[in-house]
Amino acid sequence: MTKYLKTVWKAVRRLSGDDAYERYLEHYACRHAHSEDHQCTGPLSRAEFFKQWQEQKWNGIKRCC
């Protein structure tokens, strides 16, 4: 039963975007952390990530409703 609940909870977090930062860190570790041609200073902090995420999400909205 707990395995089922964990699976459901994981799906809810993914659908709501709650796990976006964790997925970003996994992506960074796999793709950018060991890349020599990618000159990054490290992964974004949680606050920086969500600020950038919100700006990308709402940047194109030019209407009131």
N, C-alpha and C. Protein backbone atom coordinates (compact mmCIF):
# COMPACT_ATOMS: atom_id res chain seq x y z
N MET A 1 0.82 -1.20 0.00
CA MET A 1 0.00 0.00 0.00
C MET A 1 0.86 1.26 0.00
N THR A 2 1.93 1.27 0.80
CA THR A 2 2.77 2.47 0.85
C THR A 2 3.50 2.69 -0.48
N LYS A 3 3.84 1.61 -1.16
CA LYS A 3 4.48 1.74 -2.46
C LYS A 3 3.52 2.41 -3.46
N TYR A 4 2.26 2.03 -3.41
CA TYR A 4 1.24 2.64 -4.26
C TYR A 4 1.08 4.12 -3.94
N LEU A 5 1.04 4.46 -2.66
CA LEU A 5 0.90 5.86 -2.26
C LEU A 5 2.11 6.70 -2.68
N LYS A 6 3.30 6.12 -2.58
CA LYS A 6 4.50 6.83 -3.02
C LYS A 6 4.46 7.09 -4.52
N THR A 7 3.99 6.12 -5.27
CA THR A 7 3.88 6.28 -6.72
C THR A 7 2.87 7.37 -7.07
N VAL A 8 1.74 7.36 -6.39
CA VAL A 8 0.72 8.38 -6.62
C VAL A 8 1.25 9.76 -6.23
N TRP A 9 1.92 9.84 -5.09
CA TRP A 9 2.45 11.12 -4.63
C TRP A 9 3.50 11.65 -5.61
N LYS A 10 4.33 10.79 -6.14
CA LYS A 10 5.34 11.18 -7.12
C LYS A 10 4.67 11.71 -8.39
N ALA A 11 3.59 11.06 -8.82
CA ALA A 11 2.86 11.51 -10.00
C ALA A 11 2.21 12.88 -9.76
N VAL A 12 1.65 13.08 -8.60
CA VAL A 12 1.02 14.36 -8.26
C VAL A 12 2.07 15.47 -8.25
N ARG A 13 3.22 15.21 -7.67
CA ARG A 13 4.29 16.21 -7.63
C ARG A 13 4.76 16.56 -9.04
N ARG A 14 4.88 15.56 -9.91
CA ARG A 14 5.32 15.81 -11.28
C ARG A 14 4.28 16.61 -12.05
N LEU A 15 3.01 16.25 -11.92
CA LEU A 15 1.95 16.96 -12.63
C LEU A 15 1.81 18.41 -12.16
N SER A 16 2.03 18.65 -10.89
CA SER A 16 1.88 20.00 -10.36
C SER A 16 3.14 20.85 -10.55
N GLY A 17 4.26 20.21 -10.90
CA GLY A 17 5.51 20.94 -11.07
C GLY A 17 6.28 21.11 -9.78
N ASP A 18 5.81 20.47 -8.73
CA ASP A 18 6.46 20.59 -7.43
C ASP A 18 7.86 19.99 -7.41
N ASP A 19 8.12 19.02 -8.27
CA ASP A 19 9.43 18.38 -8.30
C ASP A 19 10.34 18.97 -9.38
N ALA A 20 10.01 20.13 -9.91
CA ALA A 20 10.77 20.72 -11.01
C ALA A 20 12.23 20.96 -10.63
N TYR A 21 12.48 21.45 -9.43
CA TYR A 21 13.86 21.74 -9.04
C TYR A 21 14.68 20.45 -8.90
N GLU A 22 14.07 19.41 -8.35
CA GLU A 22 14.78 18.14 -8.22
C GLU A 22 15.11 17.57 -9.60
N ARG A 23 14.15 17.67 -10.55
CA ARG A 23 14.42 17.20 -11.91
C ARG A 23 15.50 18.04 -12.58
N TYR A 24 15.52 19.35 -12.29
CA TYR A 24 16.57 20.23 -12.83
C TYR A 24 17.94 19.79 -12.31
N LEU A 25 18.04 19.50 -11.03
CA LEU A 25 19.32 19.07 -10.46
C LEU A 25 19.79 17.74 -11.07
N GLU A 26 18.85 16.82 -11.30
CA GLU A 26 19.20 15.55 -11.94
C GLU A 26 19.70 15.80 -13.36
N HIS A 27 19.02 16.66 -14.09
CA HIS A 27 19.43 17.00 -15.45
C HIS A 27 20.81 17.65 -15.44
N TYR A 28 21.03 18.56 -14.52
CA TYR A 28 22.32 19.24 -14.44
C TYR A 28 23.44 18.25 -14.16
N ALA A 29 23.20 17.35 -13.23
CA ALA A 29 24.23 16.36 -12.87
C ALA A 29 24.56 15.44 -14.05
N CYS A 30 23.54 15.07 -14.81
CA CYS A 30 23.77 14.16 -15.95
C CYS A 30 24.38 14.85 -17.15
N ARG A 31 23.98 16.08 -17.44
CA ARG A 31 24.34 16.72 -18.70
C ARG A 31 25.39 17.81 -18.60
N HIS A 32 25.46 18.52 -17.47
CA HIS A 32 26.29 19.71 -17.43
C HIS A 32 27.43 19.66 -16.41
N ALA A 33 27.32 18.88 -15.40
CA ALA A 33 28.30 18.90 -14.32
C ALA A 33 29.69 18.48 -14.78
N HIS A 34 29.77 17.52 -15.69
CA HIS A 34 31.06 17.00 -16.10
C HIS A 34 31.43 17.40 -17.52
N SER A 35 30.68 18.33 -18.08
CA SER A 35 30.92 18.76 -19.45
C SER A 35 31.98 19.85 -19.48
N GLU A 36 33.03 19.63 -20.25
CA GLU A 36 34.12 20.60 -20.32
C GLU A 36 33.79 21.77 -21.23
N ASP A 37 32.94 21.54 -22.25
CA ASP A 37 32.59 22.61 -23.17
C ASP A 37 31.50 23.52 -22.61
N HIS A 38 30.88 23.14 -21.54
CA HIS A 38 29.81 23.93 -20.93
C HIS A 38 30.39 24.64 -19.71
N GLN A 39 30.61 25.92 -19.82
CA GLN A 39 31.27 26.69 -18.76
C GLN A 39 30.25 27.26 -17.78
N CYS A 40 29.75 26.44 -16.90
CA CYS A 40 28.79 26.87 -15.88
C CYS A 40 29.49 27.03 -14.55
N THR A 41 28.94 27.86 -13.72
CA THR A 41 29.49 28.04 -12.39
C THR A 41 28.85 27.08 -11.40
N GLY A 42 27.87 26.33 -11.83
CA GLY A 42 27.19 25.38 -10.97
C GLY A 42 25.70 25.51 -11.17
N PRO A 43 24.93 24.62 -10.56
CA PRO A 43 23.48 24.69 -10.73
C PRO A 43 22.91 25.92 -10.03
N LEU A 44 21.76 26.35 -10.49
CA LEU A 44 21.08 27.48 -9.88
C LEU A 44 20.60 27.10 -8.49
N SER A 45 20.50 28.09 -7.63
CA SER A 45 19.90 27.84 -6.32
C SER A 45 18.40 27.65 -6.52
N ARG A 46 17.73 27.15 -5.52
CA ARG A 46 16.29 26.93 -5.62
C ARG A 46 15.55 28.24 -5.92
N ALA A 47 15.94 29.32 -5.27
CA ALA A 47 15.29 30.61 -5.49
C ALA A 47 15.55 31.12 -6.91
N GLU A 48 16.78 31.01 -7.38
CA GLU A 48 17.11 31.45 -8.75
C GLU A 48 16.36 30.62 -9.78
N PHE A 49 16.29 29.32 -9.54
CA PHE A 49 15.59 28.43 -10.47
C PHE A 49 14.12 28.81 -10.59
N PHE A 50 13.43 28.99 -9.47
CA PHE A 50 12.01 29.31 -9.52
C PHE A 50 11.76 30.70 -10.07
N LYS A 51 12.66 31.64 -9.82
CA LYS A 51 12.51 32.97 -10.41
C LYS A 51 12.61 32.88 -11.93
N GLN A 52 13.60 32.16 -12.44
CA GLN A 52 13.77 31.98 -13.88
C GLN A 52 12.58 31.21 -14.47
N TRP A 53 12.12 30.19 -13.77
CA TRP A 53 11.00 29.38 -14.22
C TRP A 53 9.74 30.23 -14.36
N GLN A 54 9.46 31.07 -13.35
CA GLN A 54 8.28 31.94 -13.40
C GLN A 54 8.39 32.98 -14.51
N GLU A 55 9.57 33.54 -14.70
CA GLU A 55 9.77 34.52 -15.77
C GLU A 55 9.52 33.89 -17.13
N GLN A 56 10.02 32.68 -17.35
CA GLN A 56 9.79 31.99 -18.62
C GLN A 56 8.32 31.66 -18.81
N LYS A 57 7.66 31.28 -17.72
CA LYS A 57 6.26 30.88 -17.80
C LYS A 57 5.36 32.05 -18.14
N TRP A 58 5.62 33.22 -17.56
CA TRP A 58 4.71 34.35 -17.69
C TRP A 58 5.22 35.45 -18.62
N ASN A 59 6.38 35.28 -19.21
CA ASN A 59 6.97 36.32 -20.05
C ASN A 59 6.13 36.63 -21.28
N GLY A 60 5.53 35.63 -21.92
CA GLY A 60 4.78 35.85 -23.15
C GLY A 60 3.35 36.32 -22.94
N ILE A 61 2.86 36.37 -21.71
CA ILE A 61 1.48 36.76 -21.44
C ILE A 61 1.36 38.28 -21.58
N LYS A 62 0.50 38.72 -22.51
CA LYS A 62 0.34 40.16 -22.74
C LYS A 62 -1.12 40.59 -22.62
N ARG A 63 -1.92 39.80 -21.93
CA ARG A 63 -3.34 40.11 -21.82
C ARG A 63 -3.79 40.03 -20.36
N CYS A 64 -4.95 40.54 -20.10
CA CYS A 64 -5.40 40.57 -18.72
C CYS A 64 -6.16 39.31 -18.32
N CYS A 65 -6.83 38.65 -19.23
CA CYS A 65 -7.67 37.50 -18.86
C CYS A 65 -7.31 36.25 -19.63
